[in-house]
N, C-alpha and C. Protein backbone atom coordinates (compact mmCIF):
# COMPACT_ATOMS: atom_id res chain seq x y z
N UNK A 1 15.61 34.79 26.74
CA UNK A 1 16.37 34.03 25.65
C UNK A 1 15.46 32.90 25.32
N UNK A 2 14.68 32.04 26.17
CA UNK A 2 14.07 30.75 25.65
C UNK A 2 13.23 31.17 24.63
N UNK A 3 12.36 32.17 24.62
CA UNK A 3 11.33 32.60 24.08
C UNK A 3 11.80 33.19 22.60
N UNK A 4 13.14 33.97 22.61
CA UNK A 4 13.49 34.40 21.31
C UNK A 4 13.94 33.04 20.56
N UNK A 5 14.63 31.89 21.02
CA UNK A 5 15.07 30.77 20.56
C UNK A 5 13.78 30.22 19.46
N UNK A 6 12.69 30.11 20.56
CA UNK A 6 11.40 29.68 20.04
C UNK A 6 11.14 30.33 18.74
N UNK A 7 10.96 31.67 18.73
CA UNK A 7 10.61 32.63 17.73
C UNK A 7 11.46 32.33 16.63
N UNK A 8 12.68 32.48 16.73
CA UNK A 8 13.76 32.12 15.85
C UNK A 8 13.63 30.85 15.27
N UNK A 9 13.50 29.73 16.07
CA UNK A 9 12.96 28.40 15.06
C UNK A 9 11.99 28.48 14.18
N UNK A 10 11.03 29.21 14.71
CA UNK A 10 9.62 29.08 13.93
C UNK A 10 9.57 29.86 13.13
N UNK A 11 10.51 30.88 12.77
CA UNK A 11 10.70 31.75 11.64
C UNK A 11 11.60 30.93 10.64
N UNK A 12 12.52 30.17 11.26
CA UNK A 12 13.36 29.47 10.13
C UNK A 12 12.49 28.21 9.67
N UNK A 13 11.73 27.55 10.39
CA UNK A 13 10.97 26.61 9.90
C UNK A 13 9.84 27.12 8.98
N UNK A 14 9.14 28.14 9.10
CA UNK A 14 8.33 28.58 7.97
C UNK A 14 8.99 29.30 6.78
N UNK A 15 10.19 29.82 6.97
CA UNK A 15 10.69 30.19 5.34
C UNK A 15 11.71 29.09 4.85
N UNK A 16 12.15 27.99 5.54
CA UNK A 16 12.49 26.87 4.99
C UNK A 16 11.73 25.78 4.63
N UNK A 17 10.64 25.58 5.09
CA UNK A 17 9.90 24.64 5.01
C UNK A 17 9.85 23.63 5.90
N UNK A 18 9.01 22.88 5.90
CA UNK A 18 9.20 21.52 6.60
C UNK A 18 9.93 20.56 5.99
N UNK A 19 11.05 19.89 6.74
CA UNK A 19 11.75 18.74 6.71
C UNK A 19 11.11 17.68 6.18
N UNK A 20 9.87 17.12 6.22
CA UNK A 20 8.98 16.15 5.77
C UNK A 20 8.10 16.62 4.96
N UNK A 21 8.18 15.94 3.83
CA UNK A 21 7.32 15.98 2.62
C UNK A 21 5.75 15.86 3.02
N UNK A 22 4.85 16.25 2.51
CA UNK A 22 3.56 16.27 2.59
C UNK A 22 2.91 14.86 1.53
N UNK A 23 2.90 13.74 2.40
CA UNK A 23 2.67 12.51 1.73
C UNK A 23 0.93 12.72 1.05
N UNK A 24 0.61 12.48 -0.29
CA UNK A 24 -0.82 12.55 -0.53
C UNK A 24 -1.27 11.16 -1.20
N UNK A 25 -2.48 10.89 -0.87
CA UNK A 25 -3.11 9.64 -1.62
C UNK A 25 -3.25 9.74 -2.70
N UNK A 26 -3.22 8.92 -3.44
CA UNK A 26 -3.35 9.14 -4.99
C UNK A 26 -1.92 10.01 -5.58
N UNK A 27 -0.93 9.91 -4.88
CA UNK A 27 0.20 10.60 -5.39
C UNK A 27 1.25 9.39 -6.30
N UNK A 28 1.57 9.88 -7.50
CA UNK A 28 2.59 8.90 -7.92
C UNK A 28 4.24 9.60 -7.35
N UNK A 29 4.73 8.65 -6.87
CA UNK A 29 6.21 8.79 -6.47
C UNK A 29 7.19 8.21 -7.14
N UNK A 30 8.55 8.36 -7.17
CA UNK A 30 9.66 7.49 -7.83
C UNK A 30 10.77 7.47 -6.50
N UNK A 31 11.30 6.17 -6.46
CA UNK A 31 12.60 5.99 -5.75
C UNK A 31 13.47 5.25 -6.66
N UNK A 32 15.03 5.35 -6.09
CA UNK A 32 15.88 4.95 -6.79
C UNK A 32 16.14 3.48 -6.17
N UNK A 33 16.43 2.64 -7.03
CA UNK A 33 16.65 1.23 -7.03
C UNK A 33 17.95 1.16 -6.68
N UNK A 34 18.51 -0.09 -6.07
CA UNK A 34 19.77 -0.25 -5.89
C UNK A 34 20.63 -0.39 -7.43
N UNK A 35 20.23 -0.78 -8.37
CA UNK A 35 20.71 -0.97 -9.65
C UNK A 35 21.16 0.34 -10.44
N UNK A 36 20.35 1.45 -9.41
CA UNK A 36 20.45 2.87 -10.39
C UNK A 36 19.20 3.33 -11.08
N UNK A 37 18.49 2.32 -11.17
CA UNK A 37 17.31 2.50 -11.96
C UNK A 37 16.49 3.39 -11.12
N UNK A 38 15.00 3.56 -11.46
CA UNK A 38 13.98 4.37 -10.83
C UNK A 38 12.70 3.55 -10.81
N UNK A 39 11.84 3.48 -10.13
CA UNK A 39 10.81 2.64 -9.93
C UNK A 39 9.47 3.75 -9.67
N UNK A 40 8.57 3.33 -9.97
CA UNK A 40 7.30 4.22 -9.59
C UNK A 40 6.33 3.59 -8.84
N UNK A 41 5.71 4.17 -7.95
CA UNK A 41 4.60 3.51 -6.85
C UNK A 41 3.55 4.69 -6.64
N UNK A 42 2.42 4.27 -6.69
CA UNK A 42 0.89 4.92 -6.07
C UNK A 42 0.76 4.79 -4.54
N UNK A 43 0.75 5.94 -4.05
CA UNK A 43 0.35 6.14 -2.40
C UNK A 43 -1.07 6.00 -2.65
N UNK A 44 -1.58 4.62 -2.09
CA UNK A 44 -3.26 4.58 -2.12
C UNK A 44 -3.82 4.98 -0.86
N UNK A 45 -2.77 4.68 0.26
CA UNK A 45 -3.88 4.86 1.75
C UNK A 45 -2.61 5.44 2.55
N UNK A 46 -3.03 6.32 3.58
CA UNK A 46 -2.12 6.51 4.90
C UNK A 46 -2.99 6.15 6.23
N UNK A 47 -2.43 5.59 6.89
CA UNK A 47 -2.95 5.44 8.17
C UNK A 47 -2.31 5.20 9.32
N UNK A 48 -2.68 4.99 10.46
CA UNK A 48 -1.92 5.26 11.71
C UNK A 48 -0.43 4.60 11.92
N UNK A 49 -0.67 3.18 10.85
CA UNK A 49 0.11 2.34 11.31
C UNK A 49 1.41 2.65 10.16
N UNK A 50 1.09 3.16 8.89
CA UNK A 50 2.10 2.99 7.90
C UNK A 50 1.00 3.61 6.47
N UNK A 51 2.02 3.23 5.42
CA UNK A 51 1.48 3.52 4.02
C UNK A 51 1.44 2.31 3.24
N UNK A 52 0.47 2.44 2.49
CA UNK A 52 -0.18 1.56 1.86
C UNK A 52 -0.33 1.85 0.21
N UNK A 53 0.76 1.04 -0.64
CA UNK A 53 0.98 1.51 -1.91
C UNK A 53 0.94 0.32 -2.97
N UNK A 54 1.01 0.96 -4.28
CA UNK A 54 0.79 0.23 -5.37
C UNK A 54 2.09 0.07 -6.21
N UNK A 55 2.63 -0.91 -6.07
CA UNK A 55 4.08 -1.11 -6.75
C UNK A 55 4.27 -1.49 -8.21
N UNK A 56 4.94 -0.49 -9.17
CA UNK A 56 4.72 -0.87 -10.41
C UNK A 56 5.90 -1.45 -11.10
N UNK A 57 5.88 -2.01 -12.11
CA UNK A 57 7.10 -2.85 -12.57
C UNK A 57 8.15 -2.11 -13.45
N UNK A 58 7.49 -1.12 -13.87
CA UNK A 58 8.05 0.01 -14.94
C UNK A 58 9.63 0.21 -14.30
N UNK A 59 10.30 0.38 -14.96
CA UNK A 59 11.77 0.83 -14.82
C UNK A 59 12.19 1.88 -15.61
N UNK A 60 12.83 3.02 -14.78
CA UNK A 60 13.22 4.35 -15.72
C UNK A 60 14.82 4.50 -15.34
N UNK A 61 15.46 4.83 -16.36
CA UNK A 61 16.84 5.36 -16.28
C UNK A 61 17.26 6.21 -15.40
N UNK A 62 16.08 7.26 -15.61
CA UNK A 62 16.46 8.56 -14.91
C UNK A 62 15.00 9.16 -14.24
N UNK A 63 15.10 9.99 -13.40
CA UNK A 63 14.02 10.09 -12.29
C UNK A 63 12.72 10.60 -13.42
N UNK A 64 11.88 10.10 -13.12
CA UNK A 64 10.98 10.71 -14.09
C UNK A 64 10.28 11.64 -13.59
N UNK A 65 10.04 12.63 -14.58
CA UNK A 65 9.33 13.95 -14.42
C UNK A 65 7.88 14.05 -14.28
N UNK A 66 7.56 12.88 -15.53
CA UNK A 66 5.99 13.07 -15.55
C UNK A 66 5.86 11.82 -15.90
N UNK A 67 4.92 10.92 -15.48
CA UNK A 67 4.35 9.67 -16.04
C UNK A 67 3.10 9.54 -16.64
N UNK A 68 2.98 8.74 -17.74
CA UNK A 68 1.97 8.13 -18.21
C UNK A 68 1.20 6.96 -17.71
N UNK A 69 0.12 7.47 -16.68
CA UNK A 69 -0.57 6.39 -16.38
C UNK A 69 -0.67 5.23 -17.06
N UNK A 70 -1.38 5.13 -18.05
CA UNK A 70 -1.64 4.44 -18.79
C UNK A 70 -0.52 3.16 -19.24
N UNK A 71 0.58 3.59 -19.21
CA UNK A 71 1.70 2.89 -19.44
C UNK A 71 2.35 1.75 -18.32
N UNK A 72 1.84 2.44 -17.11
CA UNK A 72 2.23 1.88 -16.02
C UNK A 72 1.65 0.20 -16.07
N UNK A 73 2.51 -0.57 -15.34
CA UNK A 73 1.97 -2.01 -15.11
C UNK A 73 2.90 -2.68 -14.10
N UNK A 74 1.85 -3.95 -13.72
CA UNK A 74 2.35 -4.45 -12.59
C UNK A 74 2.79 -6.07 -13.06
N UNK A 75 4.03 -6.58 -13.21
CA UNK A 75 4.24 -7.85 -13.88
C UNK A 75 3.98 -8.82 -12.82
N UNK A 76 3.81 -10.13 -13.00
CA UNK A 76 3.37 -11.00 -11.94
C UNK A 76 4.46 -12.07 -11.79
N UNK A 77 4.06 -13.42 -11.42
CA UNK A 77 5.17 -14.42 -11.23
C UNK A 77 5.60 -14.45 -12.66
N UNK A 78 5.04 -14.42 -13.98
CA UNK A 78 5.41 -14.86 -15.35
C UNK A 78 6.36 -13.81 -16.00
N UNK A 79 6.60 -12.69 -15.11
CA UNK A 79 7.67 -11.74 -15.36
C UNK A 79 8.72 -12.13 -16.42
N UNK A 80 9.21 -10.99 -17.20
CA UNK A 80 10.41 -11.13 -18.04
C UNK A 80 11.66 -11.42 -16.93
N UNK A 81 13.12 -11.61 -17.34
CA UNK A 81 14.03 -11.70 -16.38
C UNK A 81 14.34 -10.21 -16.54
N UNK A 82 14.95 -9.77 -15.40
CA UNK A 82 15.21 -8.19 -14.99
C UNK A 82 14.02 -7.51 -14.63
N UNK A 83 12.92 -8.10 -15.01
CA UNK A 83 11.52 -7.38 -14.74
C UNK A 83 11.38 -7.15 -13.17
N UNK A 84 11.03 -6.50 -12.55
CA UNK A 84 10.51 -6.10 -11.23
C UNK A 84 8.98 -6.53 -11.34
N UNK A 85 8.63 -7.63 -10.05
CA UNK A 85 7.52 -7.65 -9.90
C UNK A 85 6.65 -6.81 -9.26
N UNK A 86 5.58 -6.57 -9.86
CA UNK A 86 4.67 -5.54 -9.26
C UNK A 86 3.76 -5.72 -8.01
N UNK A 87 3.08 -5.25 -7.39
CA UNK A 87 2.00 -5.35 -6.11
C UNK A 87 0.88 -4.59 -6.23
N UNK A 88 -0.19 -5.24 -6.34
CA UNK A 88 -1.47 -4.15 -6.43
C UNK A 88 -1.72 -3.59 -4.77
N UNK A 89 -1.36 -4.13 -3.71
CA UNK A 89 -1.42 -3.54 -2.68
C UNK A 89 -0.24 -4.07 -1.65
N UNK A 90 0.98 -3.25 -0.91
CA UNK A 90 1.92 -3.46 -0.18
C UNK A 90 1.81 -2.29 0.72
N UNK A 91 1.41 -2.89 2.32
CA UNK A 91 1.50 -2.25 3.55
C UNK A 91 3.15 -2.00 3.83
N UNK A 92 3.00 -0.85 4.01
CA UNK A 92 4.59 -0.79 4.53
C UNK A 92 4.75 0.21 5.83
N UNK A 93 5.57 -0.34 6.59
CA UNK A 93 5.53 0.49 7.92
C UNK A 93 6.20 2.01 7.74
N UNK A 94 5.75 3.05 8.72
CA UNK A 94 6.20 4.51 8.71
C UNK A 94 7.76 4.26 8.34
N UNK A 95 8.60 3.77 9.41
CA UNK A 95 9.73 3.61 9.18
C UNK A 95 10.65 3.15 7.90
N UNK A 96 9.89 1.90 7.36
CA UNK A 96 10.36 1.72 6.38
C UNK A 96 10.12 2.36 5.10
N UNK A 97 8.95 2.75 5.10
CA UNK A 97 8.57 3.82 3.93
C UNK A 97 9.41 5.40 3.66
N UNK A 98 9.52 5.69 5.12
CA UNK A 98 10.52 6.92 5.14
C UNK A 98 11.79 6.84 4.50
N UNK A 99 12.20 5.58 4.75
CA UNK A 99 13.69 5.12 4.25
C UNK A 99 13.86 4.91 2.94
N UNK A 100 12.90 5.19 2.26
CA UNK A 100 12.79 4.90 0.86
C UNK A 100 13.09 6.03 -0.14
N UNK A 101 13.16 6.95 0.67
CA UNK A 101 13.42 8.60 -0.02
C UNK A 101 12.68 8.83 -1.16
N UNK A 102 11.62 8.62 -1.13
CA UNK A 102 10.62 8.77 -2.19
C UNK A 102 10.20 10.19 -2.97
N UNK A 103 10.12 10.76 -3.95
CA UNK A 103 9.94 11.82 -4.54
C UNK A 103 8.77 11.65 -5.19
N UNK A 104 7.99 12.78 -4.98
CA UNK A 104 7.02 13.26 -5.69
C UNK A 104 6.92 13.30 -7.16
N UNK A 105 6.02 12.91 -8.12
CA UNK A 105 5.92 13.29 -9.26
C UNK A 105 4.85 13.85 -9.84
N UNK A 106 3.75 13.64 -9.34
CA UNK A 106 2.44 13.86 -10.26
C UNK A 106 1.21 13.44 -9.21
N UNK A 107 0.17 14.11 -9.16
CA UNK A 107 -1.00 13.54 -8.44
C UNK A 107 -2.08 12.82 -9.44
N UNK A 108 -2.37 12.05 -8.66
CA UNK A 108 -3.47 10.88 -9.46
C UNK A 108 -4.72 10.74 -8.67
N UNK A 109 -5.53 9.94 -8.79
CA UNK A 109 -6.27 9.29 -8.16
C UNK A 109 -6.61 7.81 -7.69
N UNK A 110 -7.04 7.63 -6.68
CA UNK A 110 -7.22 6.06 -6.28
C UNK A 110 -8.80 5.55 -6.83
N UNK A 111 -8.72 4.37 -7.29
CA UNK A 111 -10.07 3.69 -7.74
C UNK A 111 -10.22 2.85 -6.91
N UNK A 112 -11.88 2.50 -6.61
CA UNK A 112 -11.98 1.18 -5.63
C UNK A 112 -11.30 0.44 -6.23
N UNK A 113 -11.03 -0.04 -7.38
CA UNK A 113 -10.36 -1.57 -7.66
C UNK A 113 -8.96 -1.42 -6.95
N UNK A 114 -8.37 -0.21 -7.20
CA UNK A 114 -7.20 0.02 -6.45
C UNK A 114 -7.35 -0.37 -4.92
N UNK A 115 -8.25 -0.24 -4.34
CA UNK A 115 -8.65 -0.41 -2.72
C UNK A 115 -8.83 -1.70 -2.48
N UNK A 116 -9.13 -2.48 -3.30
CA UNK A 116 -9.36 -3.98 -3.21
C UNK A 116 -8.59 -4.50 -2.23
N UNK A 117 -7.35 -4.66 -2.75
CA UNK A 117 -6.36 -5.40 -1.96
C UNK A 117 -6.01 -4.68 -0.43
N UNK A 118 -6.51 -3.65 -0.17
CA UNK A 118 -6.31 -2.64 1.03
C UNK A 118 -7.21 -3.03 1.73
N UNK A 119 -8.59 -3.40 1.11
CA UNK A 119 -9.87 -3.61 2.24
C UNK A 119 -9.58 -5.44 2.62
N UNK A 120 -9.24 -5.95 1.60
CA UNK A 120 -8.83 -7.67 2.03
C UNK A 120 -7.79 -7.48 3.40
N UNK A 121 -6.90 -6.59 2.92
CA UNK A 121 -5.91 -6.49 3.86
C UNK A 121 -6.58 -6.00 5.62
N UNK A 122 -7.40 -5.10 5.54
CA UNK A 122 -7.93 -4.56 6.39
C UNK A 122 -8.98 -5.92 7.18
N UNK A 123 -9.67 -6.69 6.31
CA UNK A 123 -10.52 -7.52 6.76
C UNK A 123 -9.33 -8.56 7.55
N UNK A 124 -8.45 -8.68 6.80
CA UNK A 124 -7.63 -9.85 7.32
C UNK A 124 -6.57 -9.40 8.87
N UNK A 125 -6.84 -8.09 9.24
CA UNK A 125 -5.95 -7.66 10.12
C UNK A 125 -4.65 -7.45 9.80
N UNK A 126 -4.13 -7.50 8.64
CA UNK A 126 -2.79 -7.64 8.19
C UNK A 126 -2.05 -6.55 9.15
N UNK A 127 -0.62 -7.31 8.57
CA UNK A 127 0.58 -6.25 9.28
C UNK A 127 1.44 -5.26 8.05
N UNK A 128 2.40 -5.12 8.58
CA UNK A 128 3.38 -4.22 7.73
C UNK A 128 4.18 -4.72 7.44
N UNK A 129 5.16 -4.00 6.40
CA UNK A 129 6.60 -4.68 5.92
C UNK A 129 7.34 -3.34 6.24
């Protein structure tokens, strides 16, 4: 009986797919914000402690199906009213990240410049949010 249950569970898992998405470095994802808008981030790195992301300031009224990367920007301290603060590198714990409900948009690449904040974080032995 136990063997049948394991076989049935395995078949269901393979037919329905895994419930956890496959996170990919360089992937662009969106999340829904409290105000109902959608924001985009790039997944820079995945490690044992969590996820390292680049947060863009762009806001979208609907879930973006495709993003023109050259239009993504990160607003700083001098940002406009109601404009989200961007971050070149943000270390996020696994639990926090999984709570975001991120949806994959498209694959991109991660440049050496985009990893500069991550390398400084490593050198400083930083933590996660």
